[in-house]
Amino acid sequence: MPRLNRRRFLQLAGAGAGLAVLAACAEAAPDAPAVVDEPTPVPMSEADVAASADDPGLMRPPGTPKRGGHLKTAFGVTMASFDAHQGGGTHVLSHMYNNLVRNNLVDGLRTVAPDLARSVDVSDDGKTYTFNLRSVVKYHNGADFTSTDVLATFNRIMDPPQGMISPLKAEFSFVEDLTAPDAGTAVFHLSAPRSYFLNVLTATNAYIYSEASLQENDFDLRDTIAPGTGAFKFVEHQPAERWLLERNPDYWDAELPYIDQLELLHVPAWSDRGTAVLTGQADMSWNVAFETWQEGSNRDDIDNKLLPNFGAYWLFMNNASGPLADARVRKAIHLGVSKQNLKAAFGTQEVINITRWVPQGDPYATSPADLASMPGYREDIAEAKRLLAEAGYGDGVPELEILAASGPQAELLAPAVQDMLNRDLGIPTKIRIIERASLGTEQQQGTYQLMVHTRGHGVSDISPRGNLWWRTGGSQNFGGYSEPRFDALLDQIDDETDVPTRQGQINEAQDVLDDNPPEYLIGYTYHLPMWNSKVKGIELHDRIFAEWGRMETVWIDS
């Protein structure tokens, strides 16, 4: 069983993501915050440089970081659950925890680096992954981290207790067994090789909980902020206002974090997020309104970036709800609602990239030139009306409800969808607006008909996405979609390694999704992060895709 050196680890970890293509895609397209202590320079010693080179898990940003300060962020930070494995908001919670491996903050997320696993051994057949764990890691309550925590975490994900919905379950359907030979080793046995396995483990919601915390709470952490091993510790949560975290002085990487406090402000409106950064009320945001992002482009003290994103806007359809149970109705919506009109309607807020089911940036994506001539990616209202008539709705469809989050989704996207459904297809709808954090709950419970919402995945490959979202019984297949043709193709795609053969299988699978759509894909997006130029260390200017997650290498140059 070969040990992965730094180069081999990074080569294997990037195998499933198509990141080089993403890099090219990225080029296409009123009081100052309080400072706890004046930041002081922290020059990196030769020994520290050598240590971080030997261990890619010890991430060191370029330049001479300064220690101290208070960083404020601006984006939506409400959530209906504190349990990352049951839909908790990991754009907030992940700062307090660690994964086994994670995306590398200091190289623009181009590679995967060790985290709680210091190294990984992979068997010659690619079916056994042995994670060699760090030996001196403590939870925020002082308890030691061991391999039993890895087993408890992933066994709960893969075999959730009664009453728990595990959105990540299908991500690990190919894991046959998980063992812990000793306190410092965790071994995953796969049913077949998966080139993207390490990429899946980098997900911001795939972090490790302690076995003790899970047992103390009957394996349900929805109402509990459990102690983590991460670079920041919990201080305060004011619902719908902010989260306050502080530096963990006992973090396993003693160099990090550089800042003393991280304050995450709840700013749901994207225009307000951009305004907060422009006026100095916040230091950064992961995604602001396009109009404020443009204003930031004209400022010397502000930096920004157009980032490809593996997340998309969707009109989710409950496949078990009335007319939407008929594939012909869903296909009529796919054909009759104009993606181009929705892109234009949302243009002041976020840039939508019209793609097929596989996003642009993935090596198996359909080219824009081919996409332009495909039904569903250009309007075909006549065919949509024919399908509705064939399904028995020639005289109209009973009124449906569209759920949408307050803010731009409810103000722009949902009304645009509503207008086209009614005007062009004779499908009347009413819009119900709720808090964004509640959309996931309604989706999991199946208490919706149509829903304008976002969804994404850290890996662009269709295998993990398809198994989660569209496979019959998939753990995030909340709409109840079931298509045997797609399931059979996904079985082939999962195991196929020949690129031309796999390309043909993926094209055929997308044909099936076009013919029998599980939902309506509005389009994948570009995120628009913006930050004050004094924010350093997380290499936002060099990122090749969007990830709302950890930032322990951030420092303030002031």
Foldseek 3Di string as FASTA:
>chain_A
DDWQFPVNQFCLQLQFFLLVLLQVVQVPDADADDWPDDWAWDAADPVNVVVCNRFVQLAAAPDTFTFETEAEAEAAQFAQFLQLQQQHDLLPLLQQAWFQWAQHLRQQSSGIGGHQFRTWDADPQQFKIKGFGDADFAWPVGHDQWVVQVVLLVCCLQPNDPPGQGLCNLLQPQFPDWDHPDRGMIMTGGVHHFSNNSVQRRASSNTTDGPVVCVVVVNGRGPHSGTHRHQWAFDDDDHLFKTKIAGDCRRPNNVWQRYGIYIYGRHHAQQVSLVCQVNNVGFKYFFHFPVSLVVQVPDPQKDKGWAFAQKFKFWFFQCVDPPNVDLLLQLLLLQQQALVVLQVQRNRGFHFDDFFPQARSRPLGDDPVVLVPDGSNGHDLVSSLVSCVVSVANVADPEFEEEEEPYPCVVTNVVSSQCRCCVRRRHHYYYDYDHLNCVVVCLQVVVHGIYTHMDGHSHSDVQSVCQQDADQVHSNVSSRHYDVVLNVLSVVLRRDDDVVVNSVSVVVSSVVCSSRPSTHTSGGTIGMMMGGPQWDQSPNVSHSHRDSHHGTRIHGND
